[in-house]
Amino acid sequence: LGATFIFVPEEPGSNQPAGNDAPVFAQLARTLASEHPRWVMVNLKAVDRTGHYAVNPEGYLNAIRSVDQPIVQLWESLQTDPFYANNTVLIITSDHGRDREGQGDGTTEYWRNHGNANAGNREIPLIMLGPGVQAGLELEGAYALQDIAPTIAALTATASVAFADGHVSDALETAEQELGHAVVVNSVTAAADGWVVIHAIVDGNPVVPASIGHTYVKAGTTENVYVPLTGDYDGDTVIAMLHVDDGELGVYEFGPGSVANDNPVVIDGGPLVSPISIDD
């Protein structure tokens, strides 16, 4: 897969917080420029160790702030390299959250711990940017670290990770457009093969199960999905909705009088939709 492993030597006093992660970013920049690996995983050691050894939460926050600009510079550098520009997904996350037990006691020791099942330990940051990632989207509901592997596989059109327990976060990205004989969905991320379906809007609500267009999409992320329309429509908004393909494969079966198969993908109790404003 073109993966590269980078090892940065430990600094003196390895049982104390590292000074900074500048050596990690420097080695990363050299490796990216010289070897062009397709997959890179970076551990910001100083941030991690400061989280365990700093005497107060502010020290940990300062360590996180210290890598903000290097991460921005990394992303900007990737966009100047033809190998990576407009073809790279950056994921920023952590391996666990921080403990909250004892937070109300006036102490500062509680936050250095982790390993139990309280809410603080299970709240893990996840930031993604790049092709196939909808800008400004905030996911709701429960996701887990094991969802990252299949999501990467989908975003990079890689074969599914057979041993992964997680699932892909389905997503739709649309934009305002003129309505002709078709609409274009900017980006579709699907955990499995399915359908992008266009539903009309009447009195502010999508007309379901009837639809005015559909097209098949493969699992993964697909850009600029062209959806032919089956008839005329004079409204100012339509709804793009992601449906599964769980009946006869390759045959769209969801519609009036037949809702047993190819139902909408449901996230947080509702169908995954994205409105499309019609520009006259």
Protein backbone atom coordinates (compact mmCIF):
# COMPACT_ATOMS: atom_id res chain seq x y z
CA LEU A 1 0.00 0.00 0.00
CA GLY A 2 3.00 2.33 0.02
CA ALA A 3 2.93 2.80 3.80
CA THR A 4 6.00 4.24 5.52
CA PHE A 5 7.01 3.84 9.17
CA ILE A 6 8.87 6.77 10.74
CA PHE A 7 10.61 6.50 14.10
CA VAL A 8 11.82 9.66 15.86
CA PRO A 9 14.33 9.04 18.70
CA GLU A 10 13.19 9.63 22.27
CA GLU A 11 14.29 12.87 23.88
CA PRO A 12 16.21 12.80 27.19
CA GLY A 13 14.02 12.34 30.23
CA SER A 14 11.45 10.21 28.42
CA ASN A 15 9.38 9.78 31.57
CA GLN A 16 8.50 13.47 31.50
CA PRO A 17 6.55 15.58 29.01
CA ALA A 18 8.43 16.01 25.73
CA GLY A 19 9.33 19.59 24.83
CA ASN A 20 7.46 19.73 21.51
CA ASP A 21 6.65 17.76 18.39
CA ALA A 22 8.80 19.81 16.02
CA PRO A 23 11.12 16.81 15.29
CA VAL A 24 8.07 14.73 14.33
CA PHE A 25 6.79 17.34 11.88
CA ALA A 26 10.29 17.84 10.45
CA GLN A 27 10.79 14.11 9.83
CA LEU A 28 7.28 13.84 8.40
CA ALA A 29 7.97 16.66 5.91
CA ARG A 30 11.20 15.00 4.76
CA THR A 31 9.52 11.62 4.30
CA LEU A 32 6.53 13.01 2.43
CA ALA A 33 8.78 14.93 0.05
CA SER A 34 11.25 12.11 -0.62
CA GLU A 35 9.14 8.95 -0.54
CA HIS A 36 5.55 10.04 -1.27
CA PRO A 37 3.89 7.35 0.88
CA ARG A 38 0.17 6.81 0.28
CA TRP A 39 -0.62 6.11 3.95
CA VAL A 40 0.93 7.84 6.95
CA MET A 41 0.01 7.62 10.62
CA VAL A 42 1.60 10.23 12.89
CA ASN A 43 1.70 10.10 16.69
CA LEU A 44 2.22 13.52 18.26
CA LYS A 45 4.21 12.18 21.18
CA ALA A 46 4.67 15.46 23.05
CA VAL A 47 0.94 16.14 23.16
CA ASP A 48 0.28 12.60 24.39
CA ARG A 49 2.92 12.66 27.11
CA THR A 50 1.96 16.13 28.29
CA GLY A 51 -1.59 14.88 28.75
CA HIS A 52 -0.26 12.30 31.21
CA TYR A 53 2.44 14.29 33.03
CA ALA A 54 1.42 17.96 33.07
CA VAL A 55 0.25 19.11 36.48
CA ASN A 56 -2.84 20.96 35.23
CA PRO A 57 -5.24 20.86 32.27
CA GLU A 58 -3.89 24.15 30.89
CA GLY A 59 -0.53 22.50 30.20
CA TYR A 60 -2.26 19.88 28.10
CA LEU A 61 -4.27 22.54 26.24
CA ASN A 62 -1.06 24.47 25.52
CA ALA A 63 0.48 21.32 24.05
CA ILE A 64 -2.54 20.92 21.76
CA ARG A 65 -2.35 24.58 20.74
CA SER A 66 1.34 24.19 19.92
CA VAL A 67 0.53 21.79 17.05
CA ASP A 68 -2.29 23.85 15.52
CA GLN A 69 -0.04 25.85 13.20
CA PRO A 70 2.23 22.94 12.23
CA ILE A 71 -0.86 20.99 11.17
CA VAL A 72 -2.06 23.94 9.07
CA GLN A 73 1.40 24.21 7.50
CA LEU A 74 1.38 20.46 6.80
CA TRP A 75 -1.95 20.73 4.99
CA GLU A 76 -0.81 23.74 2.97
CA SER A 77 2.40 21.92 2.03
CA LEU A 78 0.43 18.92 0.81
CA GLN A 79 -1.52 21.17 -1.54
CA THR A 80 1.71 22.33 -3.21
CA ASP A 81 2.85 18.78 -3.99
CA PRO A 82 1.21 17.39 -7.17
CA PHE A 83 1.28 13.89 -5.66
CA TYR A 84 -0.94 14.95 -2.74
CA ALA A 85 -2.77 18.11 -3.91
CA ASN A 86 -6.56 17.71 -4.05
CA ASN A 87 -6.05 13.97 -3.56
CA THR A 88 -5.40 13.63 0.18
CA VAL A 89 -7.60 13.18 3.25
CA LEU A 90 -6.30 14.40 6.62
CA ILE A 91 -7.78 12.86 9.78
CA ILE A 92 -7.04 14.26 13.25
CA THR A 93 -8.13 12.19 16.23
CA SER A 94 -6.98 10.70 19.54
CA ASP A 95 -6.91 7.22 21.03
CA HIS A 96 -9.07 8.10 24.05
CA GLY A 97 -10.73 10.96 25.91
CA ARG A 98 -10.01 12.33 29.39
CA ASP A 99 -11.42 11.22 32.72
CA ARG A 100 -14.04 13.39 34.44
CA GLU A 101 -14.30 11.53 37.74
CA GLY A 102 -13.35 13.98 40.48
CA GLN A 103 -13.95 17.03 38.29
CA GLY A 104 -16.15 18.60 40.94
CA ASP A 105 -13.64 18.06 43.77
CA GLY A 106 -11.50 21.08 42.96
CA THR A 107 -8.50 18.91 42.04
CA THR A 108 -6.57 18.76 38.78
CA GLU A 109 -5.56 15.11 38.90
CA TYR A 110 -8.77 13.58 37.54
CA TRP A 111 -8.25 14.63 33.91
CA ARG A 112 -4.86 12.87 33.59
CA ASN A 113 -6.48 9.44 33.88
CA HIS A 114 -8.34 7.29 31.40
CA GLY A 115 -9.37 3.69 30.95
CA ASN A 116 -12.81 3.47 32.49
CA ALA A 117 -16.15 3.82 30.74
CA ASN A 118 -17.25 7.27 31.90
CA ALA A 119 -18.43 9.81 29.35
CA GLY A 120 -15.23 11.85 29.27
CA ASN A 121 -13.12 8.87 28.25
CA ARG A 122 -15.53 8.04 25.44
CA GLU A 123 -15.65 11.53 23.91
CA ILE A 124 -12.94 11.50 21.26
CA PRO A 125 -12.26 14.36 18.83
CA LEU A 126 -12.39 13.63 15.10
CA ILE A 127 -11.61 16.24 12.44
CA MET A 128 -11.48 15.35 8.74
CA LEU A 129 -10.80 17.38 5.61
CA GLY A 130 -10.11 16.60 1.99
CA PRO A 131 -11.89 15.17 -1.07
CA GLY A 132 -15.12 13.39 -0.22
CA VAL A 133 -15.47 15.18 3.14
CA GLN A 134 -18.34 17.66 3.38
CA ALA A 135 -17.09 21.02 4.65
CA GLY A 136 -18.71 22.24 7.86
CA LEU A 137 -20.57 18.98 8.53
CA GLU A 138 -20.99 18.05 12.20
CA LEU A 139 -22.00 14.42 12.65
CA GLU A 140 -24.51 13.52 15.32
CA GLY A 141 -24.99 10.21 17.01
CA ALA A 142 -22.49 7.69 18.31
CA TYR A 143 -19.39 6.70 16.34
CA ALA A 144 -16.25 4.87 17.44
CA LEU A 145 -12.56 4.60 16.61
CA GLN A 146 -13.17 1.36 14.72
CA ASP A 147 -15.30 3.34 12.24
CA ILE A 148 -12.19 5.15 10.96
CA ALA A 149 -10.70 2.21 9.04
CA PRO A 150 -13.76 1.49 6.86
CA THR A 151 -14.29 5.23 6.38
CA ILE A 152 -10.74 5.58 5.04
CA ALA A 153 -11.36 2.60 2.77
CA ALA A 154 -14.50 4.25 1.40
CA LEU A 155 -12.93 7.68 0.91
CA THR A 156 -9.94 6.24 -0.94
CA ALA A 157 -11.91 3.71 -2.99
CA THR A 158 -9.95 0.90 -1.35
CA ALA A 159 -11.37 -2.57 -0.93
CA SER A 160 -13.40 -2.88 2.26
CA VAL A 161 -11.47 -3.78 5.39
CA ALA A 162 -12.80 -7.28 5.99
CA PHE A 163 -11.58 -7.53 9.59
CA ALA A 164 -12.85 -4.08 10.67
CA ASP A 165 -15.77 -3.94 13.09
CA GLY A 166 -16.71 -0.33 12.32
CA HIS A 167 -18.97 1.20 9.71
CA VAL A 168 -18.75 4.05 7.24
CA SER A 169 -20.49 7.33 7.97
CA ASP A 170 -22.79 7.76 4.97
CA ALA A 171 -22.89 11.32 3.62
CA LEU A 172 -24.36 13.46 0.84
CA GLU A 173 -23.07 16.82 -0.38
CA THR A 174 -25.13 19.01 -2.70
CA ALA A 175 -25.17 22.59 -4.02
CA GLU A 176 -27.61 25.03 -5.58
CA GLN A 177 -28.06 24.43 -9.30
CA GLU A 178 -30.33 24.94 -12.28
CA LEU A 179 -32.90 22.22 -12.82
CA GLY A 180 -32.89 20.60 -16.23
CA HIS A 181 -33.27 16.96 -17.13
CA ALA A 182 -31.02 15.91 -14.25
CA VAL A 183 -29.49 17.05 -10.96
CA VAL A 184 -25.90 16.59 -9.82
CA VAL A 185 -25.02 15.49 -6.28
CA ASN A 186 -21.53 16.81 -5.55
CA SER A 187 -20.40 13.91 -3.39
CA VAL A 188 -21.87 10.65 -2.09
CA THR A 189 -20.26 8.45 0.57
CA ALA A 190 -22.04 5.13 0.99
CA ALA A 191 -21.20 2.24 3.28
CA ALA A 192 -22.64 -0.19 0.73
CA ASP A 193 -23.93 -0.16 -2.84
CA GLY A 194 -27.19 1.75 -3.05
CA TRP A 195 -29.18 4.50 -4.70
CA VAL A 196 -29.16 8.29 -4.79
CA VAL A 197 -32.83 9.20 -5.08
CA ILE A 198 -34.35 12.60 -5.82
CA HIS A 199 -37.66 13.37 -4.12
CA ALA A 200 -39.92 16.33 -4.83
CA ILE A 201 -40.92 18.79 -2.11
CA VAL A 202 -44.60 19.64 -1.50
CA ASP A 203 -45.63 22.01 1.29
CA GLY A 204 -42.13 21.81 2.74
CA ASN A 205 -42.06 18.01 3.00
CA PRO A 206 -40.39 15.40 0.76
CA VAL A 207 -42.77 13.31 -1.31
CA VAL A 208 -42.02 9.74 -0.26
CA PRO A 209 -42.11 6.96 -1.42
CA ALA A 210 -42.62 8.52 -4.86
CA SER A 211 -39.49 9.94 -6.50
CA ILE A 212 -38.58 11.94 -9.59
CA GLY A 213 -35.19 10.37 -10.28
CA HIS A 214 -32.63 7.83 -9.05
CA THR A 215 -29.24 6.44 -9.94
CA TYR A 216 -27.04 3.63 -8.65
CA VAL A 217 -23.86 4.28 -6.64
CA LYS A 218 -21.16 1.87 -5.51
CA ALA A 219 -19.88 1.69 -1.94
CA GLY A 220 -17.29 4.33 -1.16
CA THR A 221 -17.15 7.97 -2.18
CA THR A 222 -18.34 9.08 -5.61
CA GLU A 223 -18.01 12.64 -6.87
CA ASN A 224 -20.43 14.47 -9.19
CA VAL A 225 -23.22 11.91 -9.27
CA TYR A 226 -25.55 12.60 -12.23
CA VAL A 227 -29.20 11.75 -11.47
CA PRO A 228 -31.58 11.81 -14.49
CA LEU A 229 -35.09 13.07 -13.75
CA THR A 230 -38.14 11.16 -14.92
CA GLY A 231 -40.43 14.14 -15.46
CA ASP A 232 -40.93 17.89 -15.15
CA TYR A 233 -40.72 19.65 -11.79
CA ASP A 234 -41.48 23.32 -11.08
CA GLY A 235 -40.59 23.60 -7.38
CA ASP A 236 -37.66 25.58 -5.93
CA THR A 237 -36.17 22.71 -3.87
CA VAL A 238 -35.70 18.97 -4.22
CA ILE A 239 -34.27 16.46 -1.78
CA ALA A 240 -31.42 14.04 -2.48
CA MET A 241 -31.82 10.93 -0.34
CA LEU A 242 -29.52 7.91 0.02
CA HIS A 243 -31.22 4.50 -0.23
CA VAL A 244 -29.86 1.01 0.27
CA ASP A 245 -30.00 -1.71 -2.39
CA ASP A 246 -31.24 -4.70 -0.42
CA GLY A 247 -33.76 -6.29 -2.79
CA GLU A 248 -33.01 -7.41 -6.32
CA LEU A 249 -29.51 -6.06 -6.87
CA GLY A 250 -29.34 -3.23 -9.37
CA VAL A 251 -33.12 -2.78 -9.55
CA TYR A 252 -34.68 0.19 -7.72
CA GLU A 253 -37.75 -1.14 -5.90
CA PHE A 254 -38.80 1.58 -3.45
CA GLY A 255 -41.93 3.46 -4.52
CA PRO A 256 -45.71 3.75 -4.17
CA GLY A 257 -47.13 0.37 -3.22
CA SER A 258 -43.68 -1.17 -2.69
CA VAL A 259 -41.62 -0.14 0.33
CA ALA A 260 -40.25 -3.49 1.46
CA ASN A 261 -36.88 -3.04 -0.25
CA ASP A 262 -34.37 -0.27 -1.02
CA ASN A 263 -35.45 1.90 1.91
CA PRO A 264 -33.71 5.17 2.84
CA VAL A 265 -30.49 5.04 4.84
CA VAL A 266 -31.37 6.10 8.41
CA ILE A 267 -28.99 8.13 10.60
CA ASP A 268 -29.95 9.38 14.06
CA GLY A 269 -33.55 8.25 13.59
CA GLY A 270 -34.17 9.93 10.23
CA PRO A 271 -33.32 9.46 6.55
CA LEU A 272 -30.00 10.80 5.25
CA VAL A 273 -30.97 13.73 3.01
CA SER A 274 -29.48 16.85 1.48
CA PRO A 275 -31.66 19.60 -0.01
CA ILE A 276 -30.90 21.06 -3.44
CA SER A 277 -32.04 24.61 -4.08
CA ILE A 278 -33.16 25.26 -7.64
CA ASP A 279 -31.75 28.37 -9.27
CA ASP A 280 -34.15 29.78 -11.83
